[in-house]
Amino acid sequence: MTPTLFGRWQTRLLLLATVGVLVSLPFAMGLIGPGANSVYFWILAYVAIFGLGWDILYNHLQKFRWDRDWPAVYQLIAGIGELIFVFCGAKLFGFLPLPIPKEELSIGAFIMHYSVVWLAVFIASQSIMRIIFPRWRFRGGEWL
């Protein structure tokens, strides 16, 4: 079944609040990347907040497809678009506030963190969500 907008929002927030936070912990503790810092949770929050808006666009675009489905390659393209938007907002132009100066956030650490979180959330949405919430797919992505 094609996810509803409310289902997309629920799934996005659930996965980012669980899988996203767990994957961000090693980055925030300084085990991966340069130094311990909460900036990774800020990035995760921006991905969640702006993702709610992106989901409105994705839901609208999906209606133009004959099967109303959103294949995995489109999810990858959407993830790259979200990466570019959050990167420009946080690092390049600095219109998204961060707890550190934007110059201190390395491009490599930002891309590595975003990529690992995106991959973990994608894998969880394709596997564990179907195990924990077996009716999730048939309810348009809604788990509540």
C-alpha atoms as a PDB file:
ATOM      1  CA  MET A   1       0.000   0.000   0.000  1.00  0.00           C
ATOM      2  CA  THR A   2       1.109   3.525  -0.691  1.00  0.00           C
ATOM      3  CA  PRO A   3       1.954   5.515   2.458  1.00  0.00           C
ATOM      4  CA  THR A   4      -0.418   8.299   3.408  1.00  0.00           C
ATOM      5  CA  LEU A   5       0.993  11.674   4.386  1.00  0.00           C
ATOM      6  CA  PHE A   6       0.191  11.010   8.043  1.00  0.00           C
ATOM      7  CA  GLY A   7       1.835   7.587   7.719  1.00  0.00           C
ATOM      8  CA  ARG A   8       4.968   9.145   6.236  1.00  0.00           C
ATOM      9  CA  TRP A   9       5.156  11.609   9.103  1.00  0.00           C
ATOM     10  CA  GLN A  10       4.659   8.938  11.742  1.00  0.00           C
ATOM     11  CA  THR A  11       7.261   6.652  10.203  1.00  0.00           C
ATOM     12  CA  ARG A  12       9.800   9.442   9.706  1.00  0.00           C
ATOM     13  CA  LEU A  13       9.487  10.707  13.276  1.00  0.00           C
ATOM     14  CA  LEU A  14       9.526   7.218  14.804  1.00  0.00           C
ATOM     15  CA  LEU A  15      12.614   6.115  12.893  1.00  0.00           C
ATOM     16  CA  LEU A  16      14.554   9.327  13.432  1.00  0.00           C
ATOM     17  CA  ALA A  17      13.659   9.365  17.143  1.00  0.00           C
ATOM     18  CA  THR A  18      14.830   5.777  17.609  1.00  0.00           C
ATOM     19  CA  VAL A  19      17.266   4.625  14.942  1.00  0.00           C
ATOM     20  CA  GLY A  20      18.476   8.149  14.168  1.00  0.00           C
ATOM     21  CA  VAL A  21      19.232   8.919  17.808  1.00  0.00           C
ATOM     22  CA  LEU A  22      20.985   5.564  18.358  1.00  0.00           C
ATOM     23  CA  VAL A  23      23.159   6.067  15.283  1.00  0.00           C
ATOM     24  CA  SER A  24      23.910   9.689  16.256  1.00  0.00           C
ATOM     25  CA  LEU A  25      25.084   8.774  19.768  1.00  0.00           C
ATOM     26  CA  PRO A  26      28.580   7.590  18.754  1.00  0.00           C
ATOM     27  CA  PHE A  27      29.044  10.781  16.735  1.00  0.00           C
ATOM     28  CA  ALA A  28      27.870  12.972  19.608  1.00  0.00           C
ATOM     29  CA  MET A  29      30.117  11.139  22.080  1.00  0.00           C
ATOM     30  CA  GLY A  30      33.147  11.660  19.843  1.00  0.00           C
ATOM     31  CA  LEU A  31      33.655   7.981  19.059  1.00  0.00           C
ATOM     32  CA  ILE A  32      33.174   8.679  15.355  1.00  0.00           C
ATOM     33  CA  GLY A  33      34.264  11.932  13.804  1.00  0.00           C
ATOM     34  CA  PRO A  34      35.944  14.916  15.419  1.00  0.00           C
ATOM     35  CA  GLY A  35      35.226  15.525  19.114  1.00  0.00           C
ATOM     36  CA  ALA A  36      32.129  15.100  21.227  1.00  0.00           C
ATOM     37  CA  ASN A  37      29.388  17.535  20.315  1.00  0.00           C
ATOM     38  CA  SER A  38      25.604  17.849  20.294  1.00  0.00           C
ATOM     39  CA  VAL A  39      25.627  19.290  16.777  1.00  0.00           C
ATOM     40  CA  TYR A  40      24.690  15.874  15.392  1.00  0.00           C
ATOM     41  CA  PHE A  41      21.404  15.921  17.276  1.00  0.00           C
ATOM     42  CA  TRP A  42      20.707  19.387  15.881  1.00  0.00           C
ATOM     43  CA  ILE A  43      21.283  18.040  12.371  1.00  0.00           C
ATOM     44  CA  LEU A  44      18.986  15.119  13.138  1.00  0.00           C
ATOM     45  CA  ALA A  45      16.306  17.539  14.368  1.00  0.00           C
ATOM     46  CA  TYR A  46      16.595  19.625  11.189  1.00  0.00           C
ATOM     47  CA  VAL A  47      16.245  16.505   9.055  1.00  0.00           C
ATOM     48  CA  ALA A  48      13.098  15.585  11.006  1.00  0.00           C
ATOM     49  CA  ILE A  49      11.557  19.077  10.923  1.00  0.00           C
ATOM     50  CA  PHE A  50      12.255  19.866   7.299  1.00  0.00           C
ATOM     51  CA  GLY A  51      11.441  16.295   6.337  1.00  0.00           C
ATOM     52  CA  LEU A  52       7.855  16.851   7.399  1.00  0.00           C
ATOM     53  CA  GLY A  53       7.637  19.571   4.771  1.00  0.00           C
ATOM     54  CA  TRP A  54       9.447  17.484   2.177  1.00  0.00           C
ATOM     55  CA  ASP A  55       6.964  14.668   2.782  1.00  0.00           C
ATOM     56  CA  ILE A  56       4.142  16.939   1.625  1.00  0.00           C
ATOM     57  CA  LEU A  57       5.995  17.420  -1.666  1.00  0.00           C
ATOM     58  CA  TYR A  58       6.838  13.698  -1.965  1.00  0.00           C
ATOM     59  CA  ASN A  59       3.224  12.771  -1.300  1.00  0.00           C
ATOM     60  CA  HIS A  60       2.080  15.189  -4.008  1.00  0.00           C
ATOM     61  CA  LEU A  61       4.637  13.958  -6.562  1.00  0.00           C
ATOM     62  CA  GLN A  62       3.775  10.355  -5.824  1.00  0.00           C
ATOM     63  CA  LYS A  63       0.221  10.936  -7.059  1.00  0.00           C
ATOM     64  CA  PHE A  64       1.556  11.467 -10.595  1.00  0.00           C
ATOM     65  CA  ARG A  65       3.001   7.963 -10.773  1.00  0.00           C
ATOM     66  CA  TRP A  66       0.716   5.329 -12.274  1.00  0.00           C
ATOM     67  CA  ASP A  67       1.163   2.921  -9.349  1.00  0.00           C
ATOM     68  CA  ARG A  68       1.359   5.721  -6.744  1.00  0.00           C
ATOM     69  CA  ASP A  69       4.454   4.027  -5.372  1.00  0.00           C
ATOM     70  CA  TRP A  70       7.758   5.577  -4.280  1.00  0.00           C
ATOM     71  CA  PRO A  71      10.594   3.226  -5.332  1.00  0.00           C
ATOM     72  CA  ALA A  72      13.835   2.962  -3.377  1.00  0.00           C
ATOM     73  CA  VAL A  73      15.818   4.903  -5.984  1.00  0.00           C
ATOM     74  CA  TYR A  74      13.467   7.854  -5.457  1.00  0.00           C
ATOM     75  CA  GLN A  75      14.075   7.596  -1.728  1.00  0.00           C
ATOM     76  CA  LEU A  76      17.803   7.812  -2.418  1.00  0.00           C
ATOM     77  CA  ILE A  77      17.338  10.886  -4.615  1.00  0.00           C
ATOM     78  CA  ALA A  78      15.118  12.466  -1.948  1.00  0.00           C
ATOM     79  CA  GLY A  79      17.767  11.705   0.693  1.00  0.00           C
ATOM     80  CA  ILE A  80      20.432  13.417  -1.391  1.00  0.00           C
ATOM     81  CA  GLY A  81      18.158  16.437  -1.805  1.00  0.00           C
ATOM     82  CA  GLU A  82      17.562  16.612   1.941  1.00  0.00           C
ATOM     83  CA  LEU A  83      21.328  16.300   2.540  1.00  0.00           C
ATOM     84  CA  ILE A  84      22.024  19.241   0.237  1.00  0.00           C
ATOM     85  CA  PHE A  85      19.299  21.371   1.839  1.00  0.00           C
ATOM     86  CA  VAL A  86      20.404  20.751   5.441  1.00  0.00           C
ATOM     87  CA  PHE A  87      24.079  21.107   4.475  1.00  0.00           C
ATOM     88  CA  CYS A  88      23.426  24.475   2.819  1.00  0.00           C
ATOM     89  CA  GLY A  89      21.333  25.634   5.769  1.00  0.00           C
ATOM     90  CA  ALA A  90      23.721  24.543   8.503  1.00  0.00           C
ATOM     91  CA  LYS A  91      27.191  24.737   6.999  1.00  0.00           C
ATOM     92  CA  LEU A  92      27.264  26.711   3.773  1.00  0.00           C
ATOM     93  CA  PHE A  93      24.872  29.623   4.377  1.00  0.00           C
ATOM     94  CA  GLY A  94      24.392  29.207   8.113  1.00  0.00           C
ATOM     95  CA  PHE A  95      20.696  30.087   8.301  1.00  0.00           C
ATOM     96  CA  LEU A  96      20.082  27.048  10.539  1.00  0.00           C
ATOM     97  CA  PRO A  97      21.476  27.695  14.021  1.00  0.00           C
ATOM     98  CA  LEU A  98      23.979  25.214  15.437  1.00  0.00           C
ATOM     99  CA  PRO A  99      25.541  24.995  18.918  1.00  0.00           C
ATOM    100  CA  ILE A 100      28.980  25.493  17.358  1.00  0.00           C
ATOM    101  CA  PRO A 101      30.270  27.933  14.740  1.00  0.00           C
ATOM    102  CA  LYS A 102      29.570  26.577  11.271  1.00  0.00           C
ATOM    103  CA  GLU A 103      33.293  26.630  10.503  1.00  0.00           C
ATOM    104  CA  GLU A 104      33.944  24.008  13.195  1.00  0.00           C
ATOM    105  CA  LEU A 105      31.641  21.454  11.587  1.00  0.00           C
ATOM    106  CA  SER A 106      33.699  19.528   9.070  1.00  0.00           C
ATOM    107  CA  ILE A 107      32.155  18.646   5.739  1.00  0.00           C
ATOM    108  CA  GLY A 108      33.347  15.056   6.041  1.00  0.00           C
ATOM    109  CA  ALA A 109      31.824  14.562   9.496  1.00  0.00           C
ATOM    110  CA  PHE A 110      28.538  16.109   8.366  1.00  0.00           C
ATOM    111  CA  ILE A 111      28.266  13.919   5.264  1.00  0.00           C
ATOM    112  CA  MET A 112      29.377  10.805   7.134  1.00  0.00           C
ATOM    113  CA  HIS A 113      26.829  11.360   9.915  1.00  0.00           C
ATOM    114  CA  TYR A 114      23.977  12.104   7.524  1.00  0.00           C
ATOM    115  CA  SER A 115      24.832   9.137   5.312  1.00  0.00           C
ATOM    116  CA  VAL A 116      25.048   6.654   8.178  1.00  0.00           C
ATOM    117  CA  VAL A 117      21.788   7.901   9.699  1.00  0.00           C
ATOM    118  CA  TRP A 118      20.033   7.857   6.319  1.00  0.00           C
ATOM    119  CA  LEU A 119      21.227   4.333   5.550  1.00  0.00           C
ATOM    120  CA  ALA A 120      20.236   3.025   9.002  1.00  0.00           C
ATOM    121  CA  VAL A 121      16.781   4.613   8.782  1.00  0.00           C
ATOM    122  CA  PHE A 122      16.294   3.300   5.229  1.00  0.00           C
ATOM    123  CA  ILE A 123      17.268  -0.240   6.212  1.00  0.00           C
ATOM    124  CA  ALA A 124      15.032  -0.090   9.298  1.00  0.00           C
ATOM    125  CA  SER A 125      12.091   1.125   7.210  1.00  0.00           C
ATOM    126  CA  GLN A 126      12.573  -1.721   4.745  1.00  0.00           C
ATOM    127  CA  SER A 127      13.079  -4.461   7.327  1.00  0.00           C
ATOM    128  CA  ILE A 128      12.427  -3.959  11.022  1.00  0.00           C
ATOM    129  CA  MET A 129       9.289  -1.853  10.572  1.00  0.00           C
ATOM    130  CA  ARG A 130       7.711  -4.769   8.700  1.00  0.00           C
ATOM    131  CA  ILE A 131       8.601  -7.127  11.544  1.00  0.00           C
ATOM    132  CA  ILE A 132       7.599  -4.952  14.515  1.00  0.00           C
ATOM    133  CA  PHE A 133       4.501  -3.483  12.830  1.00  0.00           C
ATOM    134  CA  PRO A 134       3.242  -6.210  10.438  1.00  0.00           C
ATOM    135  CA  ARG A 135       0.152  -4.185   9.443  1.00  0.00           C
ATOM    136  CA  TRP A 136       2.209  -1.007   8.951  1.00  0.00           C
ATOM    137  CA  ARG A 137       2.327  -1.360   5.164  1.00  0.00           C
ATOM    138  CA  PHE A 138      -1.395  -2.027   4.899  1.00  0.00           C
ATOM    139  CA  ARG A 139      -2.310   1.044   6.947  1.00  0.00           C
ATOM    140  CA  GLY A 140      -0.567   3.492   4.668  1.00  0.00           C
ATOM    141  CA  GLY A 141       2.550   3.626   6.861  1.00  0.00           C
ATOM    142  CA  GLU A 142       0.635   4.569   9.982  1.00  0.00           C
ATOM    143  CA  TRP A 143       1.734   2.685  13.073  1.00  0.00           C
ATOM    144  CA  LEU A 144      -0.547   4.352  15.649  1.00  0.00           C
END
